[in-house]
Amino acid sequence: MGSSLPSAEAQARLVREACIDAGIAPSQIGFVEAHGTGTAVGDPIEAHALAAALCEERSTEAPLLNRVGED
C-alpha cells in the first residue's frame, strides 16, 4: 500500500468554505496555530494551503501571524 499526501488545493478550498459558512472573509483571520504531524512533505503542504486560503486578499498592514505547536 502506498502513502497518500494531503491535497493543498482541497485543504485551501475547505478553509475558504469554512470562512464562508462562518460569514467572515479569510483576511479577517489574524492568527493561526498549527500542530504539524512532523512529516517533511505533509507539513509544508498544509502550511501552504493555509497561506493560499487566508492570504489571497490580505493587506500588508494586517499580516497573518502563526505559531507552530510542539505539544
PDB file of N, CA and C in Angstrom:
ATOM      1  N   MET A   1       0.828  -1.177   0.000  1.00  0.00           N
ATOM      2  CA  MET A   1       0.000   0.000   0.000  1.00  0.00           C
ATOM      3  C   MET A   1       0.876   1.246   0.000  1.00  0.00           C
ATOM      4  N   GLY A   2       0.521   2.235  -0.777  1.00  0.00           N
ATOM      5  CA  GLY A   2       1.270   3.485  -0.817  1.00  0.00           C
ATOM      6  C   GLY A   2       0.708   4.485   0.188  1.00  0.00           C
ATOM      7  N   SER A   3       1.519   5.472   0.490  1.00  0.00           N
ATOM      8  CA  SER A   3       1.028   6.516   1.386  1.00  0.00           C
ATOM      9  C   SER A   3       0.408   7.629   0.557  1.00  0.00           C
ATOM     10  N   SER A   4      -0.499   8.352   1.171  1.00  0.00           N
ATOM     11  CA  SER A   4      -1.137   9.444   0.441  1.00  0.00           C
ATOM     12  C   SER A   4      -0.658  10.776   0.994  1.00  0.00           C
ATOM     13  N   LEU A   5      -0.680  11.766   0.157  1.00  0.00           N
ATOM     14  CA  LEU A   5      -0.281  13.114   0.549  1.00  0.00           C
ATOM     15  C   LEU A   5      -1.520  13.985   0.675  1.00  0.00           C
ATOM     16  N   PRO A   6      -1.478  14.947   1.584  1.00  0.00           N
ATOM     17  CA  PRO A   6      -2.608  15.864   1.666  1.00  0.00           C
ATOM     18  C   PRO A   6      -2.704  16.702   0.400  1.00  0.00           C
ATOM     19  N   SER A   7      -3.906  17.078   0.053  1.00  0.00           N
ATOM     20  CA  SER A   7      -4.123  17.915  -1.117  1.00  0.00           C
ATOM     21  C   SER A   7      -4.183  19.370  -0.673  1.00  0.00           C
ATOM     22  N   ALA A   8      -3.201  20.168  -1.081  1.00  0.00           N
ATOM     23  CA  ALA A   8      -3.176  21.585  -0.723  1.00  0.00           C
ATOM     24  C   ALA A   8      -4.398  22.288  -1.290  1.00  0.00           C
ATOM     25  N   GLU A   9      -4.782  21.944  -2.494  1.00  0.00           N
ATOM     26  CA  GLU A   9      -5.946  22.577  -3.120  1.00  0.00           C
ATOM     27  C   GLU A   9      -7.220  22.271  -2.336  1.00  0.00           C
ATOM     28  N   ALA A  10      -7.410  21.028  -1.947  1.00  0.00           N
ATOM     29  CA  ALA A  10      -8.605  20.649  -1.196  1.00  0.00           C
ATOM     30  C   ALA A  10      -8.610  21.301   0.188  1.00  0.00           C
ATOM     31  N   GLN A  11      -7.465  21.368   0.834  1.00  0.00           N
ATOM     32  CA  GLN A  11      -7.403  21.995   2.148  1.00  0.00           C
ATOM     33  C   GLN A  11      -7.682  23.486   2.071  1.00  0.00           C
ATOM     34  N   ALA A  12      -7.133  24.163   1.091  1.00  0.00           N
ATOM     35  CA  ALA A  12      -7.382  25.594   0.920  1.00  0.00           C
ATOM     36  C   ALA A  12      -8.867  25.832   0.637  1.00  0.00           C
ATOM     37  N   ARG A  13      -9.458  24.986  -0.191  1.00  0.00           N
ATOM     38  CA  ARG A  13     -10.877  25.116  -0.503  1.00  0.00           C
ATOM     39  C   ARG A  13     -11.726  24.928   0.759  1.00  0.00           C
ATOM     40  N   LEU A  14     -11.373  23.967   1.590  1.00  0.00           N
ATOM     41  CA  LEU A  14     -12.104  23.717   2.828  1.00  0.00           C
ATOM     42  C   LEU A  14     -12.031  24.922   3.771  1.00  0.00           C
ATOM     43  N   VAL A  15     -10.864  25.528   3.881  1.00  0.00           N
ATOM     44  CA  VAL A  15     -10.706  26.711   4.739  1.00  0.00           C
ATOM     45  C   VAL A  15     -11.549  27.863   4.195  1.00  0.00           C
ATOM     46  N   ARG A  16     -11.525  28.070   2.892  1.00  0.00           N
ATOM     47  CA  ARG A  16     -12.343  29.131   2.284  1.00  0.00           C
ATOM     48  C   ARG A  16     -13.832  28.890   2.534  1.00  0.00           C
ATOM     49  N   GLU A  17     -14.269  27.633   2.367  1.00  0.00           N
ATOM     50  CA  GLU A  17     -15.675  27.289   2.589  1.00  0.00           C
ATOM     51  C   GLU A  17     -16.062  27.470   4.056  1.00  0.00           C
ATOM     52  N   ALA A  18     -15.156  27.145   4.973  1.00  0.00           N
ATOM     53  CA  ALA A  18     -15.441  27.343   6.399  1.00  0.00           C
ATOM     54  C   ALA A  18     -15.607  28.828   6.701  1.00  0.00           C
ATOM     55  N   CYS A  19     -14.811  29.662   6.076  1.00  0.00           N
ATOM     56  CA  CYS A  19     -14.947  31.113   6.261  1.00  0.00           C
ATOM     57  C   CYS A  19     -16.291  31.597   5.733  1.00  0.00           C
ATOM     58  N   ILE A  20     -16.688  31.106   4.571  1.00  0.00           N
ATOM     59  CA  ILE A  20     -17.991  31.485   4.009  1.00  0.00           C
ATOM     60  C   ILE A  20     -19.103  31.059   4.960  1.00  0.00           C
ATOM     61  N   ASP A  21     -19.035  29.825   5.446  1.00  0.00           N
ATOM     62  CA  ASP A  21     -20.052  29.324   6.383  1.00  0.00           C
ATOM     63  C   ASP A  21     -20.107  30.165   7.650  1.00  0.00           C
ATOM     64  N   ALA A  22     -18.949  30.659   8.091  1.00  0.00           N
ATOM     65  CA  ALA A  22     -18.880  31.475   9.307  1.00  0.00           C
ATOM     66  C   ALA A  22     -19.239  32.932   9.048  1.00  0.00           C
ATOM     67  N   GLY A  23     -19.365  33.303   7.783  1.00  0.00           N
ATOM     68  CA  GLY A  23     -19.720  34.672   7.434  1.00  0.00           C
ATOM     69  C   GLY A  23     -18.582  35.663   7.619  1.00  0.00           C
ATOM     70  N   ILE A  24     -17.351  35.182   7.439  1.00  0.00           N
ATOM     71  CA  ILE A  24     -16.193  36.063   7.560  1.00  0.00           C
ATOM     72  C   ILE A  24     -15.317  35.946   6.321  1.00  0.00           C
ATOM     73  N   ALA A  25     -14.554  36.981   6.088  1.00  0.00           N
ATOM     74  CA  ALA A  25     -13.578  36.944   4.997  1.00  0.00           C
ATOM     75  C   ALA A  25     -12.313  36.260   5.518  1.00  0.00           C
ATOM     76  N   PRO A  26     -11.642  35.467   4.703  1.00  0.00           N
ATOM     77  CA  PRO A  26     -10.399  34.833   5.144  1.00  0.00           C
ATOM     78  C   PRO A  26      -9.384  35.836   5.686  1.00  0.00           C
ATOM     79  N   SER A  27      -9.385  37.047   5.145  1.00  0.00           N
ATOM     80  CA  SER A  27      -8.427  38.060   5.601  1.00  0.00           C
ATOM     81  C   SER A  27      -8.737  38.574   7.003  1.00  0.00           C
ATOM     82  N   GLN A  28      -9.915  38.233   7.537  1.00  0.00           N
ATOM     83  CA  GLN A  28     -10.265  38.624   8.901  1.00  0.00           C
ATOM     84  C   GLN A  28      -9.599  37.733   9.945  1.00  0.00           C
ATOM     85  N   ILE A  29      -9.116  36.586   9.529  1.00  0.00           N
ATOM     86  CA  ILE A  29      -8.421  35.686  10.458  1.00  0.00           C
ATOM     87  C   ILE A  29      -7.014  36.233  10.626  1.00  0.00           C
ATOM     88  N   GLY A  30      -6.633  36.495  11.866  1.00  0.00           N
ATOM     89  CA  GLY A  30      -5.355  37.146  12.108  1.00  0.00           C
ATOM     90  C   GLY A  30      -4.286  36.267  12.714  1.00  0.00           C
ATOM     91  N   PHE A  31      -4.656  35.046  13.141  1.00  0.00           N
ATOM     92  CA  PHE A  31      -3.684  34.199  13.813  1.00  0.00           C
ATOM     93  C   PHE A  31      -4.020  32.745  13.546  1.00  0.00           C
ATOM     94  N   VAL A  32      -3.014  31.950  13.259  1.00  0.00           N
ATOM     95  CA  VAL A  32      -3.186  30.510  13.058  1.00  0.00           C
ATOM     96  C   VAL A  32      -2.193  29.792  13.947  1.00  0.00           C
ATOM     97  N   GLU A  33      -2.685  28.854  14.723  1.00  0.00           N
ATOM     98  CA  GLU A  33      -1.796  27.988  15.498  1.00  0.00           C
ATOM     99  C   GLU A  33      -1.931  26.596  14.909  1.00  0.00           C
ATOM    100  N   ALA A  34      -0.823  26.017  14.546  1.00  0.00           N
ATOM    101  CA  ALA A  34      -0.843  24.712  13.889  1.00  0.00           C
ATOM    102  C   ALA A  34       0.006  23.716  14.659  1.00  0.00           C
ATOM    103  N   HIS A  35      -0.439  22.492  14.646  1.00  0.00           N
ATOM    104  CA  HIS A  35       0.357  21.414  15.224  1.00  0.00           C
ATOM    105  C   HIS A  35       0.628  20.438  14.090  1.00  0.00           C
ATOM    106  N   GLY A  36       1.800  20.528  13.534  1.00  0.00           N
ATOM    107  CA  GLY A  36       2.153  19.693  12.398  1.00  0.00           C
ATOM    108  C   GLY A  36       2.346  18.239  12.802  1.00  0.00           C
ATOM    109  N   THR A  37       2.218  17.370  11.820  1.00  0.00           N
ATOM    110  CA  THR A  37       2.414  15.941  12.061  1.00  0.00           C
ATOM    111  C   THR A  37       3.895  15.583  12.101  1.00  0.00           C
ATOM    112  N   GLY A  38       4.707  16.511  11.647  1.00  0.00           N
ATOM    113  CA  GLY A  38       6.141  16.268  11.658  1.00  0.00           C
ATOM    114  C   GLY A  38       6.661  15.612  10.406  1.00  0.00           C
ATOM    115  N   THR A  39       5.842  15.538   9.379  1.00  0.00           N
ATOM    116  CA  THR A  39       6.332  14.936   8.140  1.00  0.00           C
ATOM    117  C   THR A  39       6.945  16.018   7.258  1.00  0.00           C
ATOM    118  N   ALA A  40       8.019  15.686   6.626  1.00  0.00           N
ATOM    119  CA  ALA A  40       8.738  16.648   5.792  1.00  0.00           C
ATOM    120  C   ALA A  40       7.945  17.051   4.556  1.00  0.00           C
ATOM    121  N   VAL A  41       7.002  16.231   4.146  1.00  0.00           N
ATOM    122  CA  VAL A  41       6.206  16.537   2.958  1.00  0.00           C
ATOM    123  C   VAL A  41       4.860  17.141   3.332  1.00  0.00           C
ATOM    124  N   GLY A  42       4.156  16.539   4.274  1.00  0.00           N
ATOM    125  CA  GLY A  42       2.799  16.956   4.611  1.00  0.00           C
ATOM    126  C   GLY A  42       2.703  18.311   5.277  1.00  0.00           C
ATOM    127  N   ASP A  43       3.586  18.601   6.230  1.00  0.00           N
ATOM    128  CA  ASP A  43       3.508  19.870   6.957  1.00  0.00           C
ATOM    129  C   ASP A  43       3.629  21.082   6.033  1.00  0.00           C
ATOM    130  N   PRO A  44       4.609  21.125   5.131  1.00  0.00           N
ATOM    131  CA  PRO A  44       4.691  22.276   4.224  1.00  0.00           C
ATOM    132  C   PRO A  44       3.469  22.398   3.310  1.00  0.00           C
ATOM    133  N   ILE A  45       2.910  21.278   2.873  1.00  0.00           N
ATOM    134  CA  ILE A  45       1.719  21.319   2.025  1.00  0.00           C
ATOM    135  C   ILE A  45       0.572  21.971   2.790  1.00  0.00           C
ATOM    136  N   GLU A  46       0.398  21.576   4.036  1.00  0.00           N
ATOM    137  CA  GLU A  46      -0.686  22.137   4.846  1.00  0.00           C
ATOM    138  C   GLU A  46      -0.444  23.614   5.139  1.00  0.00           C
ATOM    139  N   ALA A  47       0.788  24.000   5.412  1.00  0.00           N
ATOM    140  CA  ALA A  47       1.094  25.411   5.670  1.00  0.00           C
ATOM    141  C   ALA A  47       0.843  26.254   4.430  1.00  0.00           C
ATOM    142  N   HIS A  48       1.212  25.748   3.268  1.00  0.00           N
ATOM    143  CA  HIS A  48       0.982  26.486   2.023  1.00  0.00           C
ATOM    144  C   HIS A  48      -0.514  26.583   1.717  1.00  0.00           C
ATOM    145  N   ALA A  49      -1.279  25.549   2.059  1.00  0.00           N
ATOM    146  CA  ALA A  49      -2.726  25.592   1.845  1.00  0.00           C
ATOM    147  C   ALA A  49      -3.360  26.673   2.711  1.00  0.00           C
ATOM    148  N   LEU A  50      -2.928  26.775   3.964  1.00  0.00           N
ATOM    149  CA  LEU A  50      -3.441  27.835   4.841  1.00  0.00           C
ATOM    150  C   LEU A  50      -3.091  29.212   4.278  1.00  0.00           C
ATOM    151  N   ALA A  51      -1.868  29.365   3.837  1.00  0.00           N
ATOM    152  CA  ALA A  51      -1.449  30.651   3.263  1.00  0.00           C
ATOM    153  C   ALA A  51      -2.258  30.983   2.012  1.00  0.00           C
ATOM    154  N   ALA A  52      -2.495  29.995   1.168  1.00  0.00           N
ATOM    155  CA  ALA A  52      -3.265  30.225  -0.057  1.00  0.00           C
ATOM    156  C   ALA A  52      -4.682  30.666   0.270  1.00  0.00           C
ATOM    157  N   ALA A  53      -5.276  30.060   1.280  1.00  0.00           N
ATOM    158  CA  ALA A  53      -6.660  30.377   1.617  1.00  0.00           C
ATOM    159  C   ALA A  53      -6.792  31.685   2.388  1.00  0.00           C
ATOM    160  N   LEU A  54      -5.846  31.980   3.259  1.00  0.00           N
ATOM    161  CA  LEU A  54      -6.005  33.097   4.190  1.00  0.00           C
ATOM    162  C   LEU A  54      -5.264  34.370   3.784  1.00  0.00           C
ATOM    163  N   CYS A  55      -4.411  34.293   2.780  1.00  0.00           N
ATOM    164  CA  CYS A  55      -3.589  35.466   2.445  1.00  0.00           C
ATOM    165  C   CYS A  55      -3.862  36.043   1.068  1.00  0.00           C
ATOM    166  N   GLU A  56      -4.833  35.525   0.348  1.00  0.00           N
ATOM    167  CA  GLU A  56      -5.092  35.992  -1.020  1.00  0.00           C
ATOM    168  C   GLU A  56      -5.378  37.489  -1.089  1.00  0.00           C
ATOM    169  N   GLU A  57      -6.225  37.990  -0.231  1.00  0.00           N
ATOM    170  CA  GLU A  57      -6.616  39.392  -0.296  1.00  0.00           C
ATOM    171  C   GLU A  57      -6.190  40.138   0.967  1.00  0.00           C
ATOM    172  N   ARG A  58      -5.120  39.685   1.565  1.00  0.00           N
ATOM    173  CA  ARG A  58      -4.657  40.264   2.825  1.00  0.00           C
ATOM    174  C   ARG A  58      -3.775  41.474   2.561  1.00  0.00           C
ATOM    175  N   SER A  59      -4.005  42.502   3.336  1.00  0.00           N
ATOM    176  CA  SER A  59      -3.198  43.714   3.240  1.00  0.00           C
ATOM    177  C   SER A  59      -1.870  43.500   3.983  1.00  0.00           C
ATOM    178  N   THR A  60      -0.848  44.176   3.553  1.00  0.00           N
ATOM    179  CA  THR A  60       0.444  44.054   4.240  1.00  0.00           C
ATOM    180  C   THR A  60       0.392  44.672   5.632  1.00  0.00           C
ATOM    181  N   GLU A  61      -0.613  45.504   5.888  1.00  0.00           N
ATOM    182  CA  GLU A  61      -0.770  46.098   7.220  1.00  0.00           C
ATOM    183  C   GLU A  61      -1.417  45.130   8.203  1.00  0.00           C
ATOM    184  N   ALA A  62      -1.970  44.017   7.724  1.00  0.00           N
ATOM    185  CA  ALA A  62      -2.632  43.038   8.589  1.00  0.00           C
ATOM    186  C   ALA A  62      -2.097  41.643   8.290  1.00  0.00           C
ATOM    187  N   PRO A  63      -0.845  41.376   8.650  1.00  0.00           N
ATOM    188  CA  PRO A  63      -0.259  40.079   8.327  1.00  0.00           C
ATOM    189  C   PRO A  63      -0.926  38.934   9.086  1.00  0.00           C
ATOM    190  N   LEU A  64      -0.834  37.747   8.534  1.00  0.00           N
ATOM    191  CA  LEU A  64      -1.312  36.548   9.209  1.00  0.00           C
ATOM    192  C   LEU A  64      -0.198  36.062  10.120  1.00  0.00           C
ATOM    193  N   LEU A  65      -0.480  36.014  11.396  1.00  0.00           N
ATOM    194  CA  LEU A  65       0.504  35.539  12.366  1.00  0.00           C
ATOM    195  C   LEU A  65       0.319  34.051  12.561  1.00  0.00           C
ATOM    196  N   ASN A  66       1.396  33.366  12.925  1.00  0.00           N
ATOM    197  CA  ASN A  66       1.280  31.922  13.118  1.00  0.00           C
ATOM    198  C   ASN A  66       2.205  31.455  14.232  1.00  0.00           C
ATOM    199  N   ARG A  67       1.853  30.304  14.738  1.00  0.00           N
ATOM    200  CA  ARG A  67       2.667  29.619  15.730  1.00  0.00           C
ATOM    201  C   ARG A  67       2.540  28.142  15.443  1.00  0.00           C
ATOM    202  N   VAL A  68       3.646  27.472  15.359  1.00  0.00           N
ATOM    203  CA  VAL A  68       3.627  26.026  15.163  1.00  0.00           C
ATOM    204  C   VAL A  68       3.868  25.390  16.523  1.00  0.00           C
ATOM    205  N   GLY A  69       2.890  24.611  16.972  1.00  0.00           N
ATOM    206  CA  GLY A  69       2.980  23.975  18.282  1.00  0.00           C
ATOM    207  C   GLY A  69       3.865  22.751  18.269  1.00  0.00           C
ATOM    208  N   GLU A  70       4.449  22.483  19.394  1.00  0.00           N
ATOM    209  CA  GLU A  70       5.291  21.295  19.531  1.00  0.00           C
ATOM    210  C   GLU A  70       4.741  20.380  20.621  1.00  0.00           C
ATOM    211  N   ASP A  71       3.521  20.613  21.055  1.00  0.00           N
ATOM    212  CA  ASP A  71       2.923  19.818  22.144  1.00  0.00           C
ATOM    213  C   ASP A  71       2.546  18.447  21.670  1.00  0.00           C
TER     214      ASP A  71
END
